[in-house]
Amino acid sequence: MRNNLDHHKCDAIIIYPEGLTGEKICSKCGQVIEETPILTSFTQWSPEWYSNWNEEDSETLKEWLTTLRTISCQLNIPNFPYREEAAKTIRSQKHLLFKSQKLSKNKRATVAALMHLILREYDKMRPLKDISKELSLDDRAVMKQTWLLNKTLNSKREPLKIQRKTALDYLHEYAGKMTEDKEIIVTAQNILQKIKGSGGNPVGSAAGAFYAACKQKKTKISKEKIGERFHISARTVYTNEVRIRKLISTKQCSKQSSN
């Protein structure tokens, strides 16, 4: 096979996942694009693509995953983490989804409702009416399927719970690709430990902690570059860095007063 790495231009939405040695791999064509040094000591995530099926999967499961792929593409939703979270839910709850005639009868509306719930869990709200319009679905039908999903997948009728990534997860995933200085990552990690339990968006907190660590270590990585890597605005990076400084300062003052 000819090596076209120097001439390859990827037009996929995201380059993911990483190879075992940190190389960038096109999520669309699977070709290695470039070798990238990463902090392997902080990168422990082993990618498992739930939306891909194998020979052991039933035809029914394949139909659900195919519907999910189609809808995520129509809505222009990135594979990771949103589509993969939805696929993971379908796999883990398939015995309930397949058993329910009301959910199985209208797979498109059910999967659209699931994507709405997944996006909401990640604070990426997209109104049901907008999703329904883009998919040419009746918004009332999608709303009904959303209610049925919550009822079916949770016996206590609590909102559907999706396991979310922590600020530390985002720090290791994104910051490890911006610097080879482990001290900066460790400093940022310590900062996150200091504000643990204070709330806030995990992506913003991770970016703010990393920016604060860069400033402490006098490393010139701008908030604009950090925002670009963490997929948030530079203003959000700065706002979270200020919030973190205030939280740490308040805790230190409280500790000194108690002593």
C-alpha atoms as a PDB file:
ATOM      1  CA  MET A   1       0.000   0.000   0.000  1.00  0.00           C
ATOM      2  CA  ARG A   2       1.357   3.428  -0.932  1.00  0.00           C
ATOM      3  CA  ASN A   3       1.983   5.861   1.868  1.00  0.00           C
ATOM      4  CA  ASN A   4       0.017   9.057   1.183  1.00  0.00           C
ATOM      5  CA  LEU A   5       0.367  10.615   4.620  1.00  0.00           C
ATOM      6  CA  ASP A   6       2.022  13.761   3.294  1.00  0.00           C
ATOM      7  CA  HIS A   7      -0.769  14.346   0.782  1.00  0.00           C
ATOM      8  CA  HIS A   8      -3.764  13.173   2.775  1.00  0.00           C
ATOM      9  CA  LYS A   9      -6.333  15.819   3.576  1.00  0.00           C
ATOM     10  CA  CYS A  10      -9.027  14.719   5.982  1.00  0.00           C
ATOM     11  CA  ASP A  11     -12.508  16.216   5.669  1.00  0.00           C
ATOM     12  CA  ALA A  12     -14.023  14.330   8.593  1.00  0.00           C
ATOM     13  CA  ILE A  13     -15.699  16.311  11.371  1.00  0.00           C
ATOM     14  CA  ILE A  14     -13.293  15.003  14.007  1.00  0.00           C
ATOM     15  CA  ILE A  15     -10.029  13.126  14.091  1.00  0.00           C
ATOM     16  CA  TYR A  16     -10.639  10.408  16.644  1.00  0.00           C
ATOM     17  CA  PRO A  17      -9.676   8.170  18.329  1.00  0.00           C
ATOM     18  CA  GLU A  18      -5.945   8.125  18.947  1.00  0.00           C
ATOM     19  CA  GLY A  19      -3.837   5.115  18.143  1.00  0.00           C
ATOM     20  CA  LEU A  20      -1.898   3.209  20.743  1.00  0.00           C
ATOM     21  CA  THR A  21       1.172   5.409  20.300  1.00  0.00           C
ATOM     22  CA  GLY A  22      -0.687   8.710  20.053  1.00  0.00           C
ATOM     23  CA  GLU A  23      -1.013   9.001  16.286  1.00  0.00           C
ATOM     24  CA  LYS A  24      -3.988  10.855  14.850  1.00  0.00           C
ATOM     25  CA  ILE A  25      -6.383   8.601  12.961  1.00  0.00           C
ATOM     26  CA  CYS A  26      -9.129   9.791  10.642  1.00  0.00           C
ATOM     27  CA  SER A  27     -12.503   8.723  12.048  1.00  0.00           C
ATOM     28  CA  LYS A  28     -13.887   8.682   8.501  1.00  0.00           C
ATOM     29  CA  CYS A  29     -11.322   6.704   6.509  1.00  0.00           C
ATOM     30  CA  GLY A  30      -9.143   5.166   9.220  1.00  0.00           C
ATOM     31  CA  GLN A  31      -5.875   6.442   7.769  1.00  0.00           C
ATOM     32  CA  VAL A  32      -3.040   7.529  10.037  1.00  0.00           C
ATOM     33  CA  ILE A  33      -2.594  11.259   9.510  1.00  0.00           C
ATOM     34  CA  GLU A  34       0.361  12.154  11.699  1.00  0.00           C
ATOM     35  CA  GLU A  35       2.390  11.003  14.667  1.00  0.00           C
ATOM     36  CA  THR A  36       1.595  13.084  17.742  1.00  0.00           C
ATOM     37  CA  PRO A  37       3.413  12.808  21.087  1.00  0.00           C
ATOM     38  CA  ILE A  38       0.977  12.542  23.996  1.00  0.00           C
ATOM     39  CA  LEU A  39       1.222  11.986  27.718  1.00  0.00           C
ATOM     40  CA  THR A  40       0.555   8.275  27.799  1.00  0.00           C
ATOM     41  CA  SER A  41       0.679   8.288  31.599  1.00  0.00           C
ATOM     42  CA  PHE A  42      -2.499  10.411  31.570  1.00  0.00           C
ATOM     43  CA  THR A  43      -4.196   8.800  28.574  1.00  0.00           C
ATOM     44  CA  GLN A  44      -5.776   5.622  29.840  1.00  0.00           C
ATOM     45  CA  TRP A  45      -8.969   5.663  27.784  1.00  0.00           C
ATOM     46  CA  SER A  46      -9.242   2.684  25.462  1.00  0.00           C
ATOM     47  CA  PRO A  47     -11.784   3.533  22.739  1.00  0.00           C
ATOM     48  CA  GLU A  48     -14.717   1.179  22.267  1.00  0.00           C
ATOM     49  CA  TRP A  49     -17.072   2.217  19.527  1.00  0.00           C
ATOM     50  CA  TYR A  50     -20.562   1.175  20.585  1.00  0.00           C
ATOM     51  CA  SER A  51     -22.138   2.331  17.315  1.00  0.00           C
ATOM     52  CA  ASN A  52     -20.180  -0.270  15.324  1.00  0.00           C
ATOM     53  CA  TRP A  53     -21.785  -3.691  15.193  1.00  0.00           C
ATOM     54  CA  ASN A  54     -20.257  -7.131  14.940  1.00  0.00           C
ATOM     55  CA  GLU A  55     -21.329 -10.612  13.911  1.00  0.00           C
ATOM     56  CA  GLU A  56     -22.781 -11.351  17.350  1.00  0.00           C
ATOM     57  CA  ASP A  57     -25.232  -8.443  17.181  1.00  0.00           C
ATOM     58  CA  SER A  58     -28.838  -9.214  16.264  1.00  0.00           C
ATOM     59  CA  GLU A  59     -30.530  -7.793  13.188  1.00  0.00           C
ATOM     60  CA  THR A  60     -32.799  -5.750  15.447  1.00  0.00           C
ATOM     61  CA  LEU A  61     -29.820  -4.124  17.172  1.00  0.00           C
ATOM     62  CA  LYS A  62     -28.239  -3.377  13.793  1.00  0.00           C
ATOM     63  CA  GLU A  63     -31.451  -1.634  12.708  1.00  0.00           C
ATOM     64  CA  TRP A  64     -31.405   0.581  15.821  1.00  0.00           C
ATOM     65  CA  LEU A  65     -27.734   1.468  15.346  1.00  0.00           C
ATOM     66  CA  THR A  66     -28.282   2.190  11.647  1.00  0.00           C
ATOM     67  CA  THR A  67     -31.125   4.525  12.552  1.00  0.00           C
ATOM     68  CA  LEU A  68     -28.867   6.207  15.117  1.00  0.00           C
ATOM     69  CA  ARG A  69     -26.114   6.737  12.547  1.00  0.00           C
ATOM     70  CA  THR A  70     -28.540   8.211  10.038  1.00  0.00           C
ATOM     71  CA  ILE A  71     -30.074  10.599  12.560  1.00  0.00           C
ATOM     72  CA  SER A  72     -26.730  11.727  14.027  1.00  0.00           C
ATOM     73  CA  CYS A  73     -25.500  12.502  10.501  1.00  0.00           C
ATOM     74  CA  GLN A  74     -28.676  14.425   9.623  1.00  0.00           C
ATOM     75  CA  LEU A  75     -28.336  16.451  12.821  1.00  0.00           C
ATOM     76  CA  ASN A  76     -24.587  16.896  12.229  1.00  0.00           C
ATOM     77  CA  ILE A  77     -23.812  15.503  15.690  1.00  0.00           C
ATOM     78  CA  PRO A  78     -20.187  14.423  16.377  1.00  0.00           C
ATOM     79  CA  ASN A  79     -19.559  10.724  16.841  1.00  0.00           C
ATOM     80  CA  PHE A  80     -17.869  11.280  20.184  1.00  0.00           C
ATOM     81  CA  PRO A  81     -19.207  11.595  22.745  1.00  0.00           C
ATOM     82  CA  TYR A  82     -22.856  12.135  21.795  1.00  0.00           C
ATOM     83  CA  ARG A  83     -23.526   9.384  19.237  1.00  0.00           C
ATOM     84  CA  GLU A  84     -21.418   6.910  21.207  1.00  0.00           C
ATOM     85  CA  GLU A  85     -23.317   7.687  24.418  1.00  0.00           C
ATOM     86  CA  ALA A  86     -26.585   7.054  22.580  1.00  0.00           C
ATOM     87  CA  ALA A  87     -25.259   3.795  21.107  1.00  0.00           C
ATOM     88  CA  LYS A  88     -24.042   2.708  24.533  1.00  0.00           C
ATOM     89  CA  THR A  89     -27.522   3.339  25.959  1.00  0.00           C
ATOM     90  CA  ILE A  90     -29.164   1.364  23.149  1.00  0.00           C
ATOM     91  CA  ARG A  91     -26.856  -1.589  23.779  1.00  0.00           C
ATOM     92  CA  SER A  92     -27.187  -1.558  27.562  1.00  0.00           C
ATOM     93  CA  GLN A  93     -30.987  -1.124  27.499  1.00  0.00           C
ATOM     94  CA  LYS A  94     -31.780  -3.157  24.381  1.00  0.00           C
ATOM     95  CA  HIS A  95     -33.907  -5.702  26.264  1.00  0.00           C
ATOM     96  CA  LEU A  96     -36.227  -2.864  27.320  1.00  0.00           C
ATOM     97  CA  LEU A  97     -36.180  -0.965  24.028  1.00  0.00           C
ATOM     98  CA  PHE A  98     -36.865  -4.012  21.863  1.00  0.00           C
ATOM     99  CA  LYS A  99     -39.579  -5.282  24.194  1.00  0.00           C
ATOM    100  CA  SER A 100     -41.541  -2.025  24.064  1.00  0.00           C
ATOM    101  CA  GLN A 101     -43.754  -1.968  20.976  1.00  0.00           C
ATOM    102  CA  LYS A 102     -44.417   1.752  21.395  1.00  0.00           C
ATOM    103  CA  LEU A 103     -40.677   2.545  21.263  1.00  0.00           C
ATOM    104  CA  SER A 104     -39.812   0.018  18.550  1.00  0.00           C
ATOM    105  CA  LYS A 105     -42.680   0.947  16.268  1.00  0.00           C
ATOM    106  CA  ASN A 106     -41.267   4.416  15.592  1.00  0.00           C
ATOM    107  CA  LYS A 107     -37.482   3.985  15.844  1.00  0.00           C
ATOM    108  CA  ARG A 108     -36.664   7.338  14.246  1.00  0.00           C
ATOM    109  CA  ALA A 109     -38.736   9.294  16.736  1.00  0.00           C
ATOM    110  CA  THR A 110     -37.363   7.208  19.621  1.00  0.00           C
ATOM    111  CA  VAL A 111     -33.733   7.696  18.578  1.00  0.00           C
ATOM    112  CA  ALA A 112     -34.375  11.412  18.018  1.00  0.00           C
ATOM    113  CA  ALA A 113     -35.754  11.593  21.572  1.00  0.00           C
ATOM    114  CA  LEU A 114     -32.694   9.733  22.876  1.00  0.00           C
ATOM    115  CA  MET A 115     -30.322  12.161  21.142  1.00  0.00           C
ATOM    116  CA  HIS A 116     -32.229  15.060  22.695  1.00  0.00           C
ATOM    117  CA  LEU A 117     -31.743  13.517  26.159  1.00  0.00           C
ATOM    118  CA  ILE A 118     -28.044  12.838  25.537  1.00  0.00           C
ATOM    119  CA  LEU A 119     -27.397  16.407  24.385  1.00  0.00           C
ATOM    120  CA  ARG A 120     -29.287  17.759  27.394  1.00  0.00           C
ATOM    121  CA  GLU A 121     -27.095  15.724  29.757  1.00  0.00           C
ATOM    122  CA  TYR A 122     -24.045  17.384  28.191  1.00  0.00           C
ATOM    123  CA  ASP A 123     -25.591  20.866  28.437  1.00  0.00           C
ATOM    124  CA  LYS A 124     -25.860  20.979  24.644  1.00  0.00           C
ATOM    125  CA  MET A 125     -29.555  21.726  24.447  1.00  0.00           C
ATOM    126  CA  ARG A 126     -31.279  21.425  21.084  1.00  0.00           C
ATOM    127  CA  PRO A 127     -35.025  22.008  21.264  1.00  0.00           C
ATOM    128  CA  LEU A 128     -37.215  19.063  20.326  1.00  0.00           C
ATOM    129  CA  LYS A 129     -38.984  21.193  17.736  1.00  0.00           C
ATOM    130  CA  ASP A 130     -35.688  21.979  15.976  1.00  0.00           C
ATOM    131  CA  ILE A 131     -34.607  18.327  16.031  1.00  0.00           C
ATOM    132  CA  SER A 132     -38.002  17.209  14.744  1.00  0.00           C
ATOM    133  CA  LYS A 133     -37.960  19.793  11.961  1.00  0.00           C
ATOM    134  CA  GLU A 134     -34.500  18.761  10.751  1.00  0.00           C
ATOM    135  CA  LEU A 135     -35.573  15.112  10.716  1.00  0.00           C
ATOM    136  CA  SER A 136     -39.010  15.814   9.198  1.00  0.00           C
ATOM    137  CA  LEU A 137     -40.694  14.294  12.245  1.00  0.00           C
ATOM    138  CA  ASP A 138     -43.797  15.329  14.157  1.00  0.00           C
ATOM    139  CA  ASP A 139     -42.518  17.122  17.255  1.00  0.00           C
ATOM    140  CA  ARG A 140     -45.450  15.788  19.260  1.00  0.00           C
ATOM    141  CA  ALA A 141     -44.406  12.229  18.397  1.00  0.00           C
ATOM    142  CA  VAL A 142     -40.811  12.908  19.444  1.00  0.00           C
ATOM    143  CA  MET A 143     -41.994  14.499  22.676  1.00  0.00           C
ATOM    144  CA  LYS A 144     -44.142  11.435  23.385  1.00  0.00           C
ATOM    145  CA  GLN A 145     -41.171   9.115  22.766  1.00  0.00           C
ATOM    146  CA  THR A 146     -39.043  11.220  25.144  1.00  0.00           C
ATOM    147  CA  TRP A 147     -41.608  10.668  27.888  1.00  0.00           C
ATOM    148  CA  LEU A 148     -41.782   6.944  27.090  1.00  0.00           C
ATOM    149  CA  LEU A 149     -37.998   6.611  27.189  1.00  0.00           C
ATOM    150  CA  ASN A 150     -37.787   8.106  30.654  1.00  0.00           C
ATOM    151  CA  LYS A 151     -40.601   5.860  31.823  1.00  0.00           C
ATOM    152  CA  THR A 152     -39.258   2.672  30.221  1.00  0.00           C
ATOM    153  CA  LEU A 153     -35.554   3.024  30.943  1.00  0.00           C
ATOM    154  CA  ASN A 154     -36.002   4.101  34.527  1.00  0.00           C
ATOM    155  CA  SER A 155     -38.460   2.230  36.706  1.00  0.00           C
ATOM    156  CA  LYS A 156     -38.486   5.085  39.239  1.00  0.00           C
ATOM    157  CA  ARG A 157     -39.410   7.547  36.506  1.00  0.00           C
ATOM    158  CA  GLU A 158     -36.327   9.648  37.099  1.00  0.00           C
ATOM    159  CA  PRO A 159     -34.662  11.413  34.164  1.00  0.00           C
ATOM    160  CA  LEU A 160     -32.433   9.233  32.018  1.00  0.00           C
ATOM    161  CA  LYS A 161     -28.956   9.245  33.518  1.00  0.00           C
ATOM    162  CA  ILE A 162     -25.970   9.190  31.195  1.00  0.00           C
ATOM    163  CA  GLN A 163     -22.517   8.720  32.652  1.00  0.00           C
ATOM    164  CA  ARG A 164     -20.670  11.964  32.011  1.00  0.00           C
ATOM    165  CA  LYS A 165     -17.004  12.704  31.792  1.00  0.00           C
ATOM    166  CA  THR A 166     -15.366  14.548  34.646  1.00  0.00           C
ATOM    167  CA  ALA A 167     -13.197  17.660  34.476  1.00  0.00           C
ATOM    168  CA  LEU A 168     -10.144  15.440  34.979  1.00  0.00           C
ATOM    169  CA  ASP A 169     -11.181  13.324  31.984  1.00  0.00           C
ATOM    170  CA  TYR A 170     -11.388  16.408  29.771  1.00  0.00           C
ATOM    171  CA  LEU A 171      -8.093  17.724  31.142  1.00  0.00           C
ATOM    172  CA  HIS A 172      -6.243  14.530  30.253  1.00  0.00           C
ATOM    173  CA  GLU A 173      -7.968  14.231  26.879  1.00  0.00           C
ATOM    174  CA  TYR A 174      -7.368  17.765  25.598  1.00  0.00           C
ATOM    175  CA  ALA A 175      -4.499  19.305  27.565  1.00  0.00           C
ATOM    176  CA  GLY A 176      -2.283  16.284  26.945  1.00  0.00           C
ATOM    177  CA  LYS A 177      -2.314  17.202  23.259  1.00  0.00           C
ATOM    178  CA  MET A 178      -1.182  20.786  23.899  1.00  0.00           C
ATOM    179  CA  THR A 179       1.951  20.296  25.954  1.00  0.00           C
ATOM    180  CA  GLU A 180       4.579  17.694  26.741  1.00  0.00           C
ATOM    181  CA  ASP A 181       5.309  19.332  30.103  1.00  0.00           C
ATOM    182  CA  LYS A 182       3.830  16.931  32.636  1.00  0.00           C
ATOM    183  CA  GLU A 183       4.274  19.448  35.442  1.00  0.00           C
ATOM    184  CA  ILE A 184       1.650  21.693  33.880  1.00  0.00           C
ATOM    185  CA  ILE A 185      -0.827  18.811  33.684  1.00  0.00           C
ATOM    186  CA  VAL A 186      -0.092  17.808  37.276  1.00  0.00           C
ATOM    187  CA  THR A 187      -0.531  21.416  38.426  1.00  0.00           C
ATOM    188  CA  ALA A 188      -3.859  21.664  36.610  1.00  0.00           C
ATOM    189  CA  GLN A 189      -4.918  18.362  38.109  1.00  0.00           C
ATOM    190  CA  ASN A 190      -4.087  19.621  41.619  1.00  0.00           C
ATOM    191  CA  ILE A 191      -6.093  22.769  40.953  1.00  0.00           C
ATOM    192  CA  LEU A 192      -9.131  20.684  39.995  1.00  0.00           C
ATOM    193  CA  GLN A 193      -8.741  18.659  43.176  1.00  0.00           C
ATOM    194  CA  LYS A 194      -8.808  21.883  45.209  1.00  0.00           C
ATOM    195  CA  ILE A 195     -12.143  22.962  43.713  1.00  0.00           C
ATOM    196  CA  LYS A 196     -13.681  19.494  43.655  1.00  0.00           C
ATOM    197  CA  GLY A 197     -17.396  19.599  44.378  1.00  0.00           C
ATOM    198  CA  SER A 198     -17.775  23.283  43.500  1.00  0.00           C
ATOM    199  CA  GLY A 199     -19.892  22.582  40.433  1.00  0.00           C
ATOM    200  CA  GLY A 200     -19.538  24.143  37.009  1.00  0.00           C
ATOM    201  CA  ASN A 201     -19.308  22.703  33.508  1.00  0.00           C
ATOM    202  CA  PRO A 202     -16.560  20.000  33.500  1.00  0.00           C
ATOM    203  CA  VAL A 203     -15.117  21.131  30.158  1.00  0.00           C
ATOM    204  CA  GLY A 204     -14.939  24.763  31.275  1.00  0.00           C
ATOM    205  CA  SER A 205     -13.443  23.804  34.628  1.00  0.00           C
ATOM    206  CA  ALA A 206     -10.769  21.678  32.957  1.00  0.00           C
ATOM    207  CA  ALA A 207      -9.887  24.454  30.514  1.00  0.00           C
ATOM    208  CA  GLY A 208      -9.816  27.071  33.282  1.00  0.00           C
ATOM    209  CA  ALA A 209      -7.574  24.903  35.474  1.00  0.00           C
ATOM    210  CA  PHE A 210      -5.211  24.265  32.557  1.00  0.00           C
ATOM    211  CA  TYR A 211      -5.049  27.994  31.769  1.00  0.00           C
ATOM    212  CA  ALA A 212      -4.328  28.753  35.432  1.00  0.00           C
ATOM    213  CA  ALA A 213      -1.566  26.124  35.463  1.00  0.00           C
ATOM    214  CA  CYS A 214      -0.004  27.612  32.329  1.00  0.00           C
ATOM    215  CA  LYS A 215       0.045  31.047  33.961  1.00  0.00           C
ATOM    216  CA  GLN A 216       1.604  29.630  37.136  1.00  0.00           C
ATOM    217  CA  LYS A 217       4.321  27.871  35.157  1.00  0.00           C
ATOM    218  CA  LYS A 218       4.740  30.942  32.914  1.00  0.00           C
ATOM    219  CA  THR A 219       4.002  28.873  29.838  1.00  0.00           C
ATOM    220  CA  LYS A 220       2.704  30.936  26.941  1.00  0.00           C
ATOM    221  CA  ILE A 221      -0.386  29.049  25.828  1.00  0.00           C
ATOM    222  CA  SER A 222      -3.136  31.536  25.097  1.00  0.00           C
ATOM    223  CA  LYS A 223      -6.732  31.208  26.209  1.00  0.00           C
ATOM    224  CA  GLU A 224      -7.677  31.317  22.522  1.00  0.00           C
ATOM    225  CA  LYS A 225      -5.635  28.182  21.758  1.00  0.00           C
ATOM    226  CA  ILE A 226      -6.962  26.451  24.876  1.00  0.00           C
ATOM    227  CA  GLY A 227     -10.527  27.328  23.902  1.00  0.00           C
ATOM    228  CA  GLU A 228      -9.978  25.971  20.413  1.00  0.00           C
ATOM    229  CA  ARG A 229      -8.642  22.661  21.750  1.00  0.00           C
ATOM    230  CA  PHE A 230     -11.382  22.315  24.399  1.00  0.00           C
ATOM    231  CA  HIS A 231     -14.088  23.360  21.898  1.00  0.00           C
ATOM    232  CA  ILE A 232     -15.219  26.374  23.934  1.00  0.00           C
ATOM    233  CA  SER A 233     -14.751  30.127  23.605  1.00  0.00           C
ATOM    234  CA  ALA A 234     -11.688  31.984  24.878  1.00  0.00           C
ATOM    235  CA  ARG A 235     -13.999  34.015  27.102  1.00  0.00           C
ATOM    236  CA  THR A 236     -15.279  30.809  28.733  1.00  0.00           C
ATOM    237  CA  VAL A 237     -11.689  29.741  29.415  1.00  0.00           C
ATOM    238  CA  TYR A 238     -10.922  33.099  31.047  1.00  0.00           C
ATOM    239  CA  THR A 239     -14.191  33.161  33.032  1.00  0.00           C
ATOM    240  CA  ASN A 240     -13.508  29.710  34.476  1.00  0.00           C
ATOM    241  CA  GLU A 241      -9.909  30.604  35.326  1.00  0.00           C
ATOM    242  CA  VAL A 242     -11.158  33.638  37.290  1.00  0.00           C
ATOM    243  CA  ARG A 243     -13.832  31.533  38.984  1.00  0.00           C
ATOM    244  CA  ILE A 244     -11.224  28.957  40.016  1.00  0.00           C
ATOM    245  CA  ARG A 245      -8.900  31.627  41.430  1.00  0.00           C
ATOM    246  CA  LYS A 246     -11.738  33.058  43.519  1.00  0.00           C
ATOM    247  CA  LEU A 247     -12.768  29.629  44.790  1.00  0.00           C
ATOM    248  CA  ILE A 248      -9.228  28.736  45.847  1.00  0.00           C
ATOM    249  CA  SER A 249      -8.732  32.153  47.456  1.00  0.00           C
ATOM    250  CA  THR A 250     -11.992  31.823  49.405  1.00  0.00           C
ATOM    251  CA  LYS A 251     -11.075  28.350  50.648  1.00  0.00           C
ATOM    252  CA  GLN A 252      -7.635  29.534  51.724  1.00  0.00           C
ATOM    253  CA  CYS A 253      -9.126  32.483  53.623  1.00  0.00           C
ATOM    254  CA  SER A 254     -11.635  30.190  55.335  1.00  0.00           C
ATOM    255  CA  LYS A 255      -8.856  27.801  56.326  1.00  0.00           C
ATOM    256  CA  GLN A 256      -6.731  30.620  57.771  1.00  0.00           C
ATOM    257  CA  SER A 257      -9.699  31.983  59.747  1.00  0.00           C
ATOM    258  CA  SER A 258     -10.432  28.581  61.271  1.00  0.00           C
ATOM    259  CA  ASN A 259      -6.801  28.254  62.352  1.00  0.00           C
END
